[in-house]
Amino acid sequence: MIWLVDYTHYVQDIDPGLVQCKTDYFRIKSWKRYQVIGPTSPPRSRVYALGLLRIATILDRNHIPVRYMHYYMLREILQSGREELPETIAFSCVCPTVPGCAEMAGEIRKVSPGTRLILGGVHVNLNAEETARRYPVFDLMAVGYEKEAAEKIAGAPLEDVREIYADFGLLPFPLSSYAVNTFTGAGCPFQCSYCADGFAPRFRASWDGQLGMMKQLLPERTLIHFFDSVLGYSREGMHRVCEVVRETGHNFILSCDMRADMLTPGLVRDLRKAGFAELRLGVESGDQSLLDRNKRTLAVDRFAGIMRMIRDNSDIYITLYSITGLPGTTAHSQQITLEYFDLLLQEHLADEIKNTLYVPYPMKGIDYAARGIRILTDDWSKYDRQSFPVFETKEMNAAELWELYLHTAREINKSWLKGCGFADYDSIPVLEGYYTEYIKENYQVT
């Protein structure tokens, strides 16, 4: 028996100042999305790791007994002592959860010394050697994707199964109880210096993101997000995805991550016909020199024009991704960004802007010092986009970066509030069950 333990989702520590920013943000978000997209099935906070579910599916189709569970479920099993532990336990982690996985592995080792302990996931694929050195409690780092990772966990060759990509029946709860994320394939043709997606291998999952199967499992107007770095990998692939997704006859509310410079009027129309109600575009900064330094190829002066093109060709909800603290950031460069964001929100070219803090992800072969970054701690549990910075730059120390991050969040909220026509946050109607629960379920005040 193999237990696969998902520890990719976790409750974040968050300081009181950021709690207020988040509360204001989700209140506006709830109202704005309801106006543009309309009613949906209530959004969920519980998530699953699709890569780990794919591994579970491969093992199951090869007749290997497997059980997929979440970290807190294993914690309860260990505390109660009700079940005998299996021959193999494999954890899927992200950077901030690596220490937690190692701590639990140590507890397992004490009560079941013969259990084989494995660690895998995105973090391991990017930084396996250092992770193994720091945490020798694990017997193996499951480097690889798909079948390669499954074979390492199984300790034996496996048949490559493709009749079904991921079996949602292996999840411990019904799919309708999760925030549903899917993808059509992995890999990114771009290599922005702040993103690890360009280092991942390219492979195809399913053109429809398994929507055809999800139709039998989810209520209509469920929110489903495609997290491909580039949907379909190319413009040709995007049109193919739209065609196949449309043919499923789904009635979901779809969103996807997208490169703005990949979009054309025809593709925007195809995305809308396929049921995509939201596009999430990376803008990162309004300061062109900062984007150039971080190898972001899309020019700021083209971005607003692309967004106008989206508006001219659809009623799609536009969300922008922004990052505070990229190498080279200064108070002046961030002011340029905030003025740019204010323009986009006031002119209704953007419906929403998600701002996060830059994190210098620990990857093998990356010389952050050469990028003007000094790492302040090697405690990976703090490598989180909502936590106090684990680094400083030549331009700003960690405290200054944190204050800039909070200032940016407040200013974006103010611009958004004004753009929506409200004088203050108390004027916004509260829509119970829409996003406001994220505060309670995803953050704890420190």
Protein backbone atom coordinates (compact mmCIF):
# COMPACT_ATOMS: atom_id res chain seq x y z
CA MET A 1 0.00 0.00 0.00
CA ILE A 2 1.17 3.51 -0.87
CA TRP A 3 -0.18 6.66 0.77
CA LEU A 4 0.16 9.88 -1.22
CA VAL A 5 -0.01 12.92 1.04
CA ASP A 6 -0.91 16.33 -0.39
CA TYR A 7 0.67 19.22 1.50
CA THR A 8 0.53 21.87 -1.20
CA HIS A 9 -2.20 23.91 0.53
CA TYR A 10 -1.70 25.34 4.00
CA VAL A 11 -2.97 28.02 6.35
CA GLN A 12 -0.77 31.09 6.17
CA ASP A 13 0.46 33.25 9.02
CA ILE A 14 -0.45 36.85 8.22
CA ASP A 15 0.07 40.10 10.09
CA PRO A 16 -2.89 42.31 11.11
CA GLY A 17 -2.11 45.01 8.54
CA LEU A 18 -2.30 42.53 5.70
CA VAL A 19 -5.47 40.96 7.14
CA GLN A 20 -7.25 44.28 6.70
CA CYS A 21 -5.94 44.65 3.15
CA LYS A 22 -7.15 41.14 2.33
CA THR A 23 -10.54 41.73 3.92
CA ASP A 24 -11.06 44.89 1.88
CA TYR A 25 -9.80 43.16 -1.26
CA PHE A 26 -12.15 40.19 -1.01
CA ARG A 27 -15.12 42.42 -0.24
CA ILE A 28 -14.61 44.40 -3.45
CA LYS A 29 -13.83 41.19 -5.37
CA SER A 30 -17.08 39.55 -4.29
CA TRP A 31 -19.16 42.50 -5.48
CA LYS A 32 -17.23 43.12 -8.71
CA ARG A 33 -17.22 39.53 -9.88
CA TYR A 34 -20.92 39.18 -9.15
CA GLN A 35 -21.64 42.24 -11.30
CA VAL A 36 -19.58 41.05 -14.27
CA ILE A 37 -19.82 37.26 -14.12
CA GLY A 38 -23.04 36.79 -12.19
CA PRO A 39 -23.96 34.11 -9.66
CA THR A 40 -21.80 31.01 -9.45
CA SER A 41 -21.62 27.97 -7.25
CA PRO A 42 -19.91 29.15 -4.04
CA PRO A 43 -16.10 29.19 -4.34
CA ARG A 44 -14.17 26.64 -2.28
CA SER A 45 -10.91 26.82 -0.38
CA ARG A 46 -10.11 23.10 -0.19
CA VAL A 47 -7.66 22.20 -2.97
CA TYR A 48 -5.96 19.13 -4.42
CA ALA A 49 -2.58 18.64 -6.12
CA LEU A 50 -3.35 17.61 -9.68
CA GLY A 51 0.17 16.22 -10.25
CA LEU A 52 -0.14 13.99 -7.20
CA LEU A 53 -3.60 12.86 -8.30
CA ARG A 54 -2.12 11.96 -11.69
CA ILE A 55 0.51 9.82 -9.93
CA ALA A 56 -2.24 8.17 -7.87
CA THR A 57 -4.10 7.39 -11.08
CA ILE A 58 -1.05 5.81 -12.71
CA LEU A 59 -0.40 3.65 -9.65
CA ASP A 60 -4.04 2.62 -9.42
CA ARG A 61 -4.21 1.67 -13.12
CA ASN A 62 -1.12 -0.46 -12.58
CA HIS A 63 -2.99 -2.34 -9.82
CA ILE A 64 -0.89 -0.89 -7.01
CA PRO A 65 -2.99 -0.16 -3.89
CA VAL A 66 -2.89 3.60 -3.35
CA ARG A 67 -4.59 6.10 -1.08
CA TYR A 68 -4.62 9.86 -1.69
CA MET A 69 -5.01 12.02 1.42
CA HIS A 70 -4.39 15.52 2.66
CA TYR A 71 -1.74 16.38 5.23
CA TYR A 72 -4.21 17.06 8.02
CA MET A 73 -5.76 13.61 7.50
CA LEU A 74 -2.38 11.96 8.06
CA ARG A 75 -1.87 14.16 11.11
CA GLU A 76 -5.13 12.87 12.58
CA ILE A 77 -4.16 9.25 11.85
CA LEU A 78 -0.81 9.68 13.62
CA GLN A 79 -2.39 11.37 16.62
CA SER A 80 -5.12 8.75 17.01
CA GLY A 81 -2.96 5.71 16.30
CA ARG A 82 -6.04 4.05 14.76
CA GLU A 83 -4.40 2.77 11.58
CA GLU A 84 -1.29 0.82 10.75
CA LEU A 85 1.04 2.83 8.56
CA PRO A 86 1.75 1.55 5.03
CA GLU A 87 4.92 0.41 3.34
CA THR A 88 5.39 3.75 1.55
CA ILE A 89 4.30 7.32 2.27
CA ALA A 90 5.06 9.97 -0.37
CA PHE A 91 4.53 13.68 0.30
CA SER A 92 3.85 16.35 -2.33
CA CYS A 93 5.10 19.72 -1.12
CA VAL A 94 5.67 23.32 -2.03
CA CYS A 95 8.58 25.29 -0.66
CA PRO A 96 6.90 26.56 2.58
CA THR A 97 5.60 23.08 3.46
CA VAL A 98 8.89 21.19 3.08
CA PRO A 99 9.80 21.64 6.81
CA GLY A 100 6.33 20.46 7.85
CA CYS A 101 6.62 17.35 5.69
CA ALA A 102 10.03 16.63 7.20
CA GLU A 103 8.70 17.05 10.73
CA MET A 104 5.89 14.61 10.08
CA ALA A 105 8.29 12.20 8.39
CA GLY A 106 10.34 12.23 11.58
CA GLU A 107 7.26 11.32 13.62
CA ILE A 108 6.47 8.47 11.23
CA ARG A 109 10.03 7.19 11.44
CA LYS A 110 9.67 6.84 15.22
CA VAL A 111 6.49 4.75 15.14
CA SER A 112 7.06 2.90 11.85
CA PRO A 113 10.79 2.67 11.06
CA GLY A 114 10.19 0.38 8.10
CA THR A 115 7.96 2.81 6.21
CA ARG A 116 9.64 4.18 3.10
CA LEU A 117 9.42 7.99 3.11
CA ILE A 118 9.48 10.00 -0.11
CA LEU A 119 9.25 13.70 -0.91
CA GLY A 120 8.18 15.11 -4.28
CA GLY A 121 6.49 18.05 -5.96
CA VAL A 122 7.56 21.23 -7.72
CA HIS A 123 10.05 22.23 -5.04
CA VAL A 124 11.85 18.90 -5.20
CA ASN A 125 12.06 19.05 -8.98
CA LEU A 126 13.77 22.44 -8.74
CA ASN A 127 15.97 21.85 -5.70
CA ALA A 128 16.32 18.14 -4.94
CA GLU A 129 19.97 17.97 -3.86
CA GLU A 130 19.72 20.74 -1.29
CA THR A 131 16.41 19.39 0.02
CA ALA A 132 17.90 15.91 0.48
CA ARG A 133 20.92 17.38 2.26
CA ARG A 134 18.79 19.37 4.69
CA TYR A 135 16.24 16.64 5.36
CA PRO A 136 17.90 13.21 5.39
CA VAL A 137 14.79 11.74 7.05
CA PHE A 138 13.49 11.03 3.54
CA ASP A 139 14.62 7.89 1.76
CA LEU A 140 14.12 9.39 -1.70
CA MET A 141 13.48 12.63 -3.57
CA ALA A 142 10.92 11.77 -6.28
CA VAL A 143 12.41 13.95 -9.00
CA GLY A 144 10.39 13.82 -12.19
CA TYR A 145 6.88 14.24 -13.52
CA GLU A 146 4.05 11.92 -14.41
CA LYS A 147 5.16 8.31 -15.01
CA GLU A 148 8.78 8.96 -14.00
CA ALA A 149 7.74 10.15 -10.54
CA ALA A 150 5.18 7.36 -10.18
CA GLU A 151 7.85 4.73 -10.92
CA LYS A 152 10.18 6.16 -8.30
CA ILE A 153 7.40 6.05 -5.73
CA ALA A 154 6.40 2.51 -6.72
CA GLY A 155 10.00 1.35 -6.95
CA ALA A 156 9.19 -0.54 -10.15
CA PRO A 157 8.55 0.03 -13.88
CA LEU A 158 4.95 0.96 -14.73
CA GLU A 159 2.79 0.99 -17.81
CA ASP A 160 2.00 4.45 -19.19
CA VAL A 161 -1.78 4.80 -18.89
CA ARG A 162 -3.63 7.44 -20.89
CA GLU A 163 -7.23 6.27 -21.03
CA ILE A 164 -7.89 8.68 -18.18
CA TYR A 165 -5.54 11.47 -17.12
CA ALA A 166 -6.57 11.87 -13.48
CA ASP A 167 -9.19 9.86 -11.62
CA PHE A 168 -11.11 12.27 -9.38
CA GLY A 169 -12.66 9.28 -7.63
CA LEU A 170 -9.34 8.77 -5.82
CA LEU A 171 -9.77 12.06 -3.94
CA PRO A 172 -10.89 11.66 -0.31
CA PHE A 173 -13.81 14.09 -0.83
CA PRO A 174 -16.17 14.68 -3.79
CA LEU A 175 -14.74 16.95 -6.45
CA SER A 176 -17.53 19.47 -5.76
CA SER A 177 -16.00 20.18 -2.34
CA TYR A 178 -12.73 21.46 -3.85
CA ALA A 179 -11.56 24.61 -5.55
CA VAL A 180 -11.21 23.07 -9.01
CA ASN A 181 -7.97 23.71 -10.88
CA THR A 182 -6.98 21.95 -14.06
CA PHE A 183 -4.63 22.29 -17.02
CA THR A 184 -4.16 21.15 -20.59
CA GLY A 185 -0.40 20.69 -20.37
CA ALA A 186 2.83 21.80 -18.72
CA GLY A 187 5.75 23.88 -19.86
CA CYS A 188 6.27 27.51 -20.82
CA PRO A 189 8.09 28.92 -23.88
CA PHE A 190 9.11 32.04 -21.90
CA GLN A 191 11.78 32.33 -19.20
CA CYS A 192 11.04 35.36 -17.06
CA SER A 193 13.67 35.53 -14.33
CA TYR A 194 11.17 35.58 -11.45
CA CYS A 195 9.21 32.48 -12.55
CA ALA A 196 10.10 28.78 -12.43
CA ASP A 197 7.59 27.65 -15.08
CA GLY A 198 10.09 28.03 -17.90
CA PHE A 199 12.25 25.32 -16.29
CA ALA A 200 9.48 22.70 -16.27
CA PRO A 201 9.33 20.06 -19.01
CA ARG A 202 6.64 20.30 -21.65
CA PHE A 203 3.99 17.59 -21.78
CA ARG A 204 0.35 17.31 -22.83
CA ALA A 205 -2.33 16.35 -20.30
CA SER A 206 -5.74 16.65 -21.97
CA TRP A 207 -6.99 19.26 -24.43
CA ASP A 208 -10.23 19.82 -22.52
CA GLY A 209 -8.69 19.83 -19.03
CA GLN A 210 -11.00 16.86 -18.32
CA LEU A 211 -14.10 19.06 -18.42
CA GLY A 212 -15.94 16.24 -20.15
CA MET A 213 -15.49 14.10 -17.05
CA MET A 214 -16.16 17.00 -14.67
CA LYS A 215 -19.59 17.52 -16.24
CA GLN A 216 -20.73 14.39 -14.43
CA LEU A 217 -19.27 15.48 -11.08
CA LEU A 218 -19.89 19.21 -10.66
CA PRO A 219 -22.93 21.52 -10.61
CA GLU A 220 -23.44 24.07 -13.35
CA ARG A 221 -21.63 27.42 -13.04
CA THR A 222 -18.84 25.90 -10.97
CA LEU A 223 -15.67 28.00 -11.11
CA ILE A 224 -12.85 26.10 -12.84
CA HIS A 225 -9.41 27.59 -13.39
CA PHE A 226 -6.89 26.46 -16.05
CA PHE A 227 -3.43 27.11 -14.61
CA ASP A 228 -1.36 26.38 -17.74
CA SER A 229 1.58 28.79 -17.95
CA VAL A 230 0.46 29.32 -21.55
CA LEU A 231 -2.90 27.75 -22.37
CA GLY A 232 -2.27 25.18 -25.09
CA TYR A 233 1.38 26.32 -25.15
CA SER A 234 0.97 28.31 -28.42
CA ARG A 235 -1.66 30.30 -30.32
CA GLU A 236 -2.45 27.25 -32.42
CA GLY A 237 -2.78 25.19 -29.24
CA MET A 238 -5.05 27.83 -27.68
CA HIS A 239 -7.48 27.64 -30.59
CA ARG A 240 -7.43 23.85 -30.29
CA VAL A 241 -8.20 24.04 -26.55
CA CYS A 242 -11.11 26.42 -27.23
CA GLU A 243 -12.53 24.08 -29.84
CA VAL A 244 -12.32 20.98 -27.65
CA VAL A 245 -13.59 22.76 -24.52
CA ARG A 246 -16.57 24.15 -26.42
CA GLU A 247 -17.40 20.68 -27.77
CA THR A 248 -17.77 19.32 -24.21
CA GLY A 249 -20.99 21.32 -23.88
CA HIS A 250 -20.06 22.33 -20.33
CA ASN A 251 -21.87 25.02 -18.35
CA PHE A 252 -19.02 26.01 -16.05
CA ILE A 253 -17.45 29.40 -15.38
CA LEU A 254 -13.91 29.08 -16.73
CA SER A 255 -10.81 31.18 -16.12
CA CYS A 256 -7.25 30.78 -17.34
CA ASP A 257 -3.78 32.23 -16.95
CA MET A 258 -2.61 33.88 -20.15
CA ARG A 259 0.22 35.88 -21.70
CA ALA A 260 -1.32 39.13 -22.91
CA ASP A 261 1.02 39.26 -25.92
CA MET A 262 -0.31 35.89 -27.12
CA LEU A 263 -3.84 37.24 -27.53
CA THR A 264 -5.52 38.24 -30.81
CA PRO A 265 -9.10 39.43 -31.41
CA GLY A 266 -10.02 36.05 -32.88
CA LEU A 267 -8.55 34.15 -29.95
CA VAL A 268 -10.38 36.36 -27.44
CA ARG A 269 -13.66 35.65 -29.18
CA ASP A 270 -12.86 31.92 -29.26
CA LEU A 271 -12.06 31.91 -25.55
CA ARG A 272 -15.36 33.58 -24.75
CA LYS A 273 -17.32 31.15 -26.95
CA ALA A 274 -15.61 28.28 -25.14
CA GLY A 275 -16.93 29.54 -21.80
CA PHE A 276 -13.91 31.44 -20.46
CA ALA A 277 -15.39 34.24 -18.37
CA GLU A 278 -12.07 35.44 -16.91
CA LEU A 279 -8.53 36.00 -18.20
CA ARG A 280 -5.68 36.38 -15.71
CA LEU A 281 -2.80 38.30 -17.21
CA GLY A 282 0.66 38.99 -15.79
CA VAL A 283 1.56 42.69 -15.81
CA GLU A 284 3.89 42.60 -12.75
CA SER A 285 4.90 46.28 -12.95
CA GLY A 286 4.19 49.51 -14.77
CA ASP A 287 7.89 50.43 -14.84
CA GLN A 288 9.37 49.28 -18.16
CA SER A 289 12.97 49.41 -16.96
CA LEU A 290 12.06 47.05 -14.11
CA LEU A 291 10.37 44.63 -16.51
CA ASP A 292 13.39 44.70 -18.82
CA ARG A 293 15.72 43.91 -15.93
CA ASN A 294 13.60 40.87 -15.05
CA LYS A 295 13.34 39.60 -18.65
CA ARG A 296 9.64 40.38 -19.05
CA THR A 297 9.22 40.78 -22.80
CA LEU A 298 5.81 42.51 -22.95
CA ALA A 299 6.17 46.30 -23.13
CA VAL A 300 4.01 48.42 -20.80
CA ASP A 301 2.94 50.73 -23.63
CA ARG A 302 1.43 47.74 -25.47
CA PHE A 303 -0.38 46.29 -22.49
CA ALA A 304 -3.20 48.83 -22.20
CA GLY A 305 -3.82 48.50 -25.95
CA ILE A 306 -4.17 44.72 -25.63
CA MET A 307 -6.65 45.16 -22.81
CA ARG A 308 -8.70 47.57 -24.90
CA MET A 309 -8.68 44.95 -27.63
CA ILE A 310 -10.05 42.38 -25.14
CA ARG A 311 -12.79 44.85 -24.15
CA ASP A 312 -13.68 45.46 -27.80
CA ASN A 313 -14.08 41.75 -28.48
CA SER A 314 -15.65 40.31 -25.32
CA ASP A 315 -17.21 40.87 -21.91
CA ILE A 316 -14.45 38.83 -20.24
CA TYR A 317 -13.50 39.68 -16.66
CA ILE A 318 -9.83 40.78 -16.65
CA THR A 319 -7.62 40.03 -13.66
CA LEU A 320 -4.01 41.22 -13.53
CA TYR A 321 -1.14 39.63 -11.62
CA SER A 322 1.31 42.06 -10.01
CA ILE A 323 4.51 41.41 -8.06
CA THR A 324 5.98 43.83 -5.52
CA GLY A 325 9.70 43.62 -4.75
CA LEU A 326 11.22 42.43 -8.03
CA PRO A 327 14.99 43.03 -8.15
CA GLY A 328 15.52 46.70 -8.94
CA THR A 329 12.28 47.88 -7.31
CA THR A 330 12.38 51.30 -5.65
CA ALA A 331 9.74 53.51 -4.09
CA HIS A 332 9.83 55.56 -7.30
CA SER A 333 9.37 52.56 -9.60
CA GLN A 334 6.47 51.35 -7.47
CA GLN A 335 4.82 54.76 -7.66
CA ILE A 336 4.99 54.52 -11.45
CA THR A 337 3.33 51.11 -11.17
CA LEU A 338 0.57 52.37 -8.86
CA GLU A 339 -0.23 55.27 -11.16
CA TYR A 340 -0.42 52.83 -14.07
CA PHE A 341 -2.69 50.48 -12.12
CA ASP A 342 -4.92 53.39 -11.09
CA LEU A 343 -5.33 54.29 -14.76
CA LEU A 344 -6.23 50.71 -15.71
CA LEU A 345 -8.83 50.45 -12.93
CA GLN A 346 -10.33 53.91 -13.46
CA GLU A 347 -10.69 53.35 -17.20
CA HIS A 348 -12.14 49.86 -16.51
CA LEU A 349 -9.47 48.15 -18.57
CA ALA A 350 -8.86 45.87 -15.60
CA ASP A 351 -11.53 44.40 -13.34
CA GLU A 352 -9.15 43.20 -10.63
CA ILE A 353 -5.45 43.33 -9.71
CA LYS A 354 -3.90 40.58 -7.58
CA ASN A 355 -0.72 41.78 -5.89
CA THR A 356 1.80 39.43 -4.29
CA LEU A 357 5.26 39.76 -2.78
CA TYR A 358 8.25 38.54 -4.75
CA VAL A 359 9.88 35.38 -3.40
CA PRO A 360 13.40 34.34 -4.51
CA TYR A 361 12.51 30.69 -4.99
CA PRO A 362 15.37 28.39 -3.96
CA MET A 363 16.40 26.70 -7.21
CA LYS A 364 19.58 24.91 -8.10
CA GLY A 365 21.89 27.00 -10.28
CA ILE A 366 20.29 30.39 -9.58
CA ASP A 367 22.76 33.04 -8.41
CA TYR A 368 20.56 35.52 -6.60
CA ALA A 369 23.55 37.59 -5.51
CA ALA A 370 24.22 38.33 -9.17
CA ARG A 371 20.68 39.65 -9.39
CA GLY A 372 21.24 42.07 -6.51
CA ILE A 373 19.48 39.92 -3.89
CA ARG A 374 20.77 38.92 -0.47
CA ILE A 375 18.95 35.97 1.14
CA LEU A 376 18.29 36.57 4.84
CA THR A 377 17.04 33.18 6.02
CA ASP A 378 17.16 29.56 4.91
CA ASP A 379 13.91 28.73 6.74
CA TRP A 380 11.84 27.58 3.79
CA SER A 381 8.58 27.77 5.77
CA LYS A 382 8.87 31.55 5.40
CA TYR A 383 9.23 31.47 1.60
CA ASP A 384 5.66 32.53 1.14
CA ARG A 385 4.09 35.38 -0.86
CA GLN A 386 2.21 36.74 2.16
CA SER A 387 5.04 36.54 4.71
CA PHE A 388 7.72 39.05 5.71
CA PRO A 389 10.43 39.12 3.00
CA VAL A 390 13.19 36.52 3.25
CA PHE A 391 15.51 38.77 1.26
CA GLU A 392 16.71 42.30 0.66
CA THR A 393 17.93 44.00 -2.49
CA LYS A 394 20.58 46.57 -3.25
CA GLU A 395 17.82 49.15 -3.41
CA MET A 396 15.64 48.22 -0.38
CA ASN A 397 15.96 46.31 2.88
CA ALA A 398 13.40 43.72 4.00
CA ALA A 399 11.41 46.12 6.21
CA GLU A 400 11.17 48.64 3.38
CA LEU A 401 10.03 45.94 0.95
CA TRP A 402 7.34 44.81 3.39
CA GLU A 403 6.03 48.32 3.91
CA LEU A 404 6.03 48.84 0.15
CA TYR A 405 4.04 45.65 -0.28
CA LEU A 406 1.41 46.75 2.26
CA HIS A 407 1.30 50.24 0.74
CA THR A 408 0.79 48.74 -2.72
CA ALA A 409 -2.07 46.53 -1.50
CA ARG A 410 -3.81 49.50 0.13
CA GLU A 411 -3.39 51.76 -2.89
CA ILE A 412 -4.66 49.14 -5.33
CA ASN A 413 -7.72 48.65 -3.13
CA LYS A 414 -8.35 52.40 -3.04
CA SER A 415 -8.13 52.67 -6.82
CA TRP A 416 -10.39 49.65 -7.22
CA LEU A 417 -12.92 51.03 -4.72
CA LYS A 418 -13.01 54.35 -6.54
CA GLY A 419 -13.28 52.68 -9.94
CA CYS A 420 -16.29 50.69 -8.70
CA GLY A 421 -17.99 53.92 -7.58
CA PHE A 422 -17.91 53.40 -3.81
CA ALA A 423 -16.92 56.04 -1.26
CA ASP A 424 -15.81 53.53 1.38
CA TYR A 425 -15.67 49.80 2.06
CA ASP A 426 -18.79 49.81 4.24
CA SER A 427 -20.80 50.96 1.21
CA ILE A 428 -20.13 47.69 -0.62
CA PRO A 429 -22.96 45.15 -0.31
CA VAL A 430 -21.75 42.00 1.42
CA LEU A 431 -22.33 38.81 -0.57
CA GLU A 432 -22.20 36.02 1.97
CA GLY A 433 -20.41 32.91 0.78
CA TYR A 434 -18.51 34.62 -2.01
CA TYR A 435 -14.78 34.89 -1.26
CA THR A 436 -15.13 36.48 2.19
CA GLU A 437 -14.67 33.02 3.74
CA TYR A 438 -11.15 32.90 2.30
CA ILE A 439 -9.95 35.08 5.17
CA LYS A 440 -11.11 32.58 7.78
CA GLU A 441 -10.00 29.45 5.95
CA ASN A 442 -6.63 30.52 4.55
CA TYR A 443 -5.08 32.99 6.98
CA GLN A 444 -4.31 33.15 10.68
CA VAL A 445 -3.32 36.42 12.34
CA THR A 446 0.18 36.54 13.84
